């Protein structure tokens, strides 16, 4: 009777990601804005970061699903980042 799923978020603008932006800019020799647009979010459909709220709403959805139909699933919450 236990359900188990995994949420796979895209880039979430956390303190860790905030720290990586200037580091990547320096390493790649580009602006911080270009790191965000051309590196981190280039493969999203809308150029947006995934939010903590996006992840939380997905968790609530999965927790509230009334049957075992969504057991063992990987849910990618990434603004399309995973799509190829």
N, C-alpha and C. Protein backbone atom coordinates (compact mmCIF):
# COMPACT_ATOMS: atom_id res chain seq x y z
N UNK A 1 0.78 -1.21 0.00
CA UNK A 1 0.00 0.00 0.00
C UNK A 1 0.83 1.28 0.00
N UNK A 2 2.12 1.15 -0.25
CA UNK A 2 2.97 2.34 -0.27
C UNK A 2 3.25 2.72 -1.71
N UNK A 3 3.07 4.01 -2.01
CA UNK A 3 3.39 4.51 -3.35
C UNK A 3 4.71 5.26 -3.29
N UNK A 4 5.47 5.16 -4.36
CA UNK A 4 6.75 5.85 -4.41
C UNK A 4 6.94 6.44 -5.80
N UNK A 5 7.20 7.74 -5.84
CA UNK A 5 7.45 8.44 -7.09
C UNK A 5 8.64 9.37 -6.88
N UNK A 6 9.18 9.88 -7.97
CA UNK A 6 10.29 10.81 -7.87
C UNK A 6 9.97 12.04 -8.72
N UNK A 7 10.31 13.21 -8.18
CA UNK A 7 10.14 14.46 -8.91
C UNK A 7 11.53 14.90 -9.35
N UNK A 8 11.68 15.13 -10.65
CA UNK A 8 12.96 15.52 -11.23
C UNK A 8 12.86 16.97 -11.70
N UNK A 9 13.29 17.92 -10.86
CA UNK A 9 13.16 19.32 -11.25
C UNK A 9 14.25 19.76 -12.20
N UNK A 10 13.92 20.77 -13.00
CA UNK A 10 14.93 21.45 -13.80
C UNK A 10 15.71 22.39 -12.89
N UNK A 11 16.33 23.40 -13.47
CA UNK A 11 17.05 24.38 -12.66
C UNK A 11 16.07 25.16 -11.79
N UNK A 12 16.29 25.11 -10.48
CA UNK A 12 15.52 25.88 -9.52
C UNK A 12 16.47 26.96 -8.99
N UNK A 13 16.02 28.19 -8.95
CA UNK A 13 16.90 29.30 -8.57
C UNK A 13 17.11 29.30 -7.05
N UNK A 14 17.95 28.39 -6.60
CA UNK A 14 18.30 28.24 -5.19
C UNK A 14 19.61 28.97 -4.92
N UNK A 15 20.02 29.10 -3.66
CA UNK A 15 21.33 29.70 -3.38
C UNK A 15 22.47 29.00 -4.11
N UNK A 16 22.40 27.68 -4.27
CA UNK A 16 23.45 26.95 -4.99
C UNK A 16 23.51 27.39 -6.45
N UNK A 17 22.36 27.50 -7.11
CA UNK A 17 22.32 27.94 -8.51
C UNK A 17 22.78 29.39 -8.61
N UNK A 18 22.34 30.24 -7.68
CA UNK A 18 22.79 31.64 -7.67
C UNK A 18 24.31 31.73 -7.61
N UNK A 19 24.93 30.85 -6.84
CA UNK A 19 26.39 30.83 -6.72
C UNK A 19 27.05 30.35 -8.02
N UNK A 20 26.39 29.43 -8.71
CA UNK A 20 26.95 28.87 -9.94
C UNK A 20 26.92 29.85 -11.11
N UNK A 21 25.98 30.78 -11.10
CA UNK A 21 25.84 31.69 -12.24
C UNK A 21 27.11 32.51 -12.46
N UNK A 22 27.63 33.24 -11.45
CA UNK A 22 28.86 34.00 -11.70
C UNK A 22 30.08 33.10 -11.94
N UNK A 23 30.09 31.94 -11.30
CA UNK A 23 31.20 31.00 -11.52
C UNK A 23 31.24 30.54 -12.97
N UNK A 24 30.06 30.19 -13.51
CA UNK A 24 29.98 29.76 -14.91
C UNK A 24 30.31 30.90 -15.86
N UNK A 25 29.86 32.11 -15.52
CA UNK A 25 30.15 33.28 -16.37
C UNK A 25 31.66 33.48 -16.48
N UNK A 26 32.34 33.39 -15.36
CA UNK A 26 33.79 33.57 -15.36
C UNK A 26 34.47 32.45 -16.14
N UNK A 27 34.06 31.22 -15.88
CA UNK A 27 34.67 30.06 -16.54
C UNK A 27 34.44 30.07 -18.05
N UNK A 28 33.25 30.48 -18.48
CA UNK A 28 32.90 30.46 -19.90
C UNK A 28 33.21 31.77 -20.61
N UNK A 29 33.53 32.81 -19.85
CA UNK A 29 33.84 34.10 -20.45
C UNK A 29 32.63 34.78 -21.06
N UNK A 30 31.48 34.60 -20.43
CA UNK A 30 30.24 35.22 -20.91
C UNK A 30 29.58 35.94 -19.74
N UNK A 31 28.55 36.73 -20.04
CA UNK A 31 27.84 37.45 -18.98
C UNK A 31 26.99 36.49 -18.15
N UNK A 32 26.64 36.95 -16.96
CA UNK A 32 25.77 36.15 -16.11
C UNK A 32 24.40 35.96 -16.78
N UNK A 33 23.92 36.99 -17.46
CA UNK A 33 22.66 36.89 -18.18
C UNK A 33 22.72 35.80 -19.24
N UNK A 34 23.86 35.72 -19.95
CA UNK A 34 24.02 34.67 -20.97
C UNK A 34 24.12 33.28 -20.34
N UNK A 35 24.71 33.18 -19.16
CA UNK A 35 24.75 31.88 -18.46
C UNK A 35 23.31 31.40 -18.23
N UNK A 36 22.47 32.29 -17.74
CA UNK A 36 21.09 31.93 -17.46
C UNK A 36 20.36 31.58 -18.76
N UNK A 37 20.43 32.45 -19.75
CA UNK A 37 19.65 32.27 -20.99
C UNK A 37 20.22 31.21 -21.92
N UNK A 38 21.56 31.19 -22.06
CA UNK A 38 22.17 30.34 -23.09
C UNK A 38 22.76 29.04 -22.56
N UNK A 39 22.85 28.91 -21.25
CA UNK A 39 23.38 27.68 -20.69
C UNK A 39 22.31 26.97 -19.86
N UNK A 40 21.87 27.62 -18.79
CA UNK A 40 20.94 26.96 -17.87
C UNK A 40 19.55 26.75 -18.44
N UNK A 41 19.01 27.76 -19.11
CA UNK A 41 17.62 27.69 -19.54
C UNK A 41 17.44 27.55 -21.05
N UNK A 42 18.53 27.33 -21.77
CA UNK A 42 18.45 27.32 -23.23
C UNK A 42 17.55 26.22 -23.78
N UNK A 43 17.42 25.12 -23.07
CA UNK A 43 16.60 24.02 -23.57
C UNK A 43 15.20 23.97 -22.98
N UNK A 44 14.81 25.01 -22.24
CA UNK A 44 13.43 25.06 -21.75
C UNK A 44 12.55 25.64 -22.85
N UNK A 45 11.26 25.41 -22.74
CA UNK A 45 10.34 25.91 -23.76
C UNK A 45 10.01 27.38 -23.56
N UNK A 46 10.22 27.89 -22.34
CA UNK A 46 9.82 29.27 -22.04
C UNK A 46 10.91 30.12 -21.39
N UNK A 47 12.12 29.58 -21.24
CA UNK A 47 13.21 30.35 -20.65
C UNK A 47 13.01 30.68 -19.19
N UNK A 48 12.27 29.84 -18.48
CA UNK A 48 11.96 30.08 -17.08
C UNK A 48 12.61 29.03 -16.18
N UNK A 49 13.01 29.49 -14.98
CA UNK A 49 13.47 28.56 -13.96
C UNK A 49 12.27 27.78 -13.42
N UNK A 50 12.49 26.54 -13.02
CA UNK A 50 11.51 25.80 -12.25
C UNK A 50 11.48 26.44 -10.87
N UNK A 51 10.31 26.52 -10.27
CA UNK A 51 10.22 27.13 -8.95
C UNK A 51 9.98 26.08 -7.87
N UNK A 52 10.24 26.48 -6.65
CA UNK A 52 9.95 25.61 -5.52
C UNK A 52 8.45 25.31 -5.50
N UNK A 53 7.65 26.29 -5.85
CA UNK A 53 6.20 26.09 -5.91
C UNK A 53 5.83 25.05 -6.97
N UNK A 54 6.50 25.06 -8.12
CA UNK A 54 6.25 24.05 -9.15
C UNK A 54 6.47 22.64 -8.58
N UNK A 55 7.56 22.47 -7.87
CA UNK A 55 7.91 21.16 -7.29
C UNK A 55 6.91 20.79 -6.20
N UNK A 56 6.57 21.76 -5.34
CA UNK A 56 5.63 21.49 -4.25
C UNK A 56 4.25 21.09 -4.78
N UNK A 57 3.78 21.79 -5.80
CA UNK A 57 2.46 21.46 -6.37
C UNK A 57 2.46 20.06 -6.99
N UNK A 58 3.59 19.68 -7.57
CA UNK A 58 3.70 18.33 -8.13
C UNK A 58 3.66 17.29 -7.02
N UNK A 59 4.34 17.57 -5.91
CA UNK A 59 4.33 16.65 -4.76
C UNK A 59 2.92 16.50 -4.20
N UNK A 60 2.21 17.61 -4.08
CA UNK A 60 0.83 17.56 -3.57
C UNK A 60 -0.06 16.76 -4.52
N UNK A 61 0.12 16.98 -5.82
CA UNK A 61 -0.65 16.22 -6.81
C UNK A 61 -0.39 14.72 -6.65
N UNK A 62 0.88 14.34 -6.58
CA UNK A 62 1.21 12.92 -6.46
C UNK A 62 0.70 12.33 -5.14
N UNK A 63 0.86 13.08 -4.05
CA UNK A 63 0.42 12.59 -2.75
C UNK A 63 -1.09 12.42 -2.69
N UNK A 64 -1.81 13.26 -3.40
CA UNK A 64 -3.26 13.21 -3.36
C UNK A 64 -3.89 12.32 -4.42
N UNK A 65 -3.08 11.72 -5.29
CA UNK A 65 -3.66 10.90 -6.34
C UNK A 65 -4.34 9.69 -5.69
N UNK A 66 -5.58 9.42 -6.04
CA UNK A 66 -6.38 8.46 -5.28
C UNK A 66 -6.11 6.98 -5.52
N UNK A 67 -5.30 6.64 -6.50
CA UNK A 67 -5.06 5.21 -6.76
C UNK A 67 -3.57 4.95 -6.91
N UNK A 68 -3.22 3.69 -7.08
CA UNK A 68 -1.83 3.30 -7.29
C UNK A 68 -1.40 3.42 -8.75
N UNK A 69 -2.21 4.05 -9.58
CA UNK A 69 -1.88 4.20 -11.00
C UNK A 69 -0.61 5.01 -11.21
N UNK A 70 -0.31 5.91 -10.28
CA UNK A 70 0.92 6.71 -10.38
C UNK A 70 1.92 6.25 -9.33
N UNK A 71 2.34 5.03 -9.44
CA UNK A 71 3.36 4.47 -8.56
C UNK A 71 4.59 4.16 -9.38
N UNK A 72 5.75 4.49 -8.85
CA UNK A 72 6.99 4.20 -9.54
C UNK A 72 7.25 5.13 -10.72
N UNK A 73 6.72 6.33 -10.67
CA UNK A 73 6.86 7.27 -11.78
C UNK A 73 7.95 8.30 -11.51
N UNK A 74 8.57 8.73 -12.57
CA UNK A 74 9.49 9.87 -12.53
C UNK A 74 8.79 11.02 -13.23
N UNK A 75 8.55 12.10 -12.51
CA UNK A 75 7.86 13.26 -13.06
C UNK A 75 8.88 14.38 -13.23
N UNK A 76 9.10 14.76 -14.47
CA UNK A 76 10.07 15.81 -14.78
C UNK A 76 9.33 17.14 -14.76
N UNK A 77 9.78 18.04 -13.88
CA UNK A 77 9.18 19.37 -13.73
C UNK A 77 10.26 20.37 -14.12
N UNK A 78 10.31 20.72 -15.41
CA UNK A 78 11.50 21.43 -15.89
C UNK A 78 11.24 22.44 -17.01
N UNK A 79 9.99 22.81 -17.20
CA UNK A 79 9.65 23.74 -18.30
C UNK A 79 10.12 23.19 -19.65
N UNK A 80 10.03 21.89 -19.80
CA UNK A 80 10.36 21.26 -21.06
C UNK A 80 11.84 20.97 -21.28
N UNK A 81 12.67 21.24 -20.27
CA UNK A 81 14.12 21.07 -20.40
C UNK A 81 14.50 19.67 -20.85
N UNK A 82 13.75 18.68 -20.43
CA UNK A 82 14.07 17.29 -20.71
C UNK A 82 13.65 16.86 -22.10
N UNK A 83 12.74 17.60 -22.72
CA UNK A 83 12.22 17.21 -24.04
C UNK A 83 13.32 17.30 -25.09
N UNK A 84 13.38 16.35 -25.96
CA UNK A 84 14.38 16.34 -27.04
C UNK A 84 13.66 16.17 -28.36
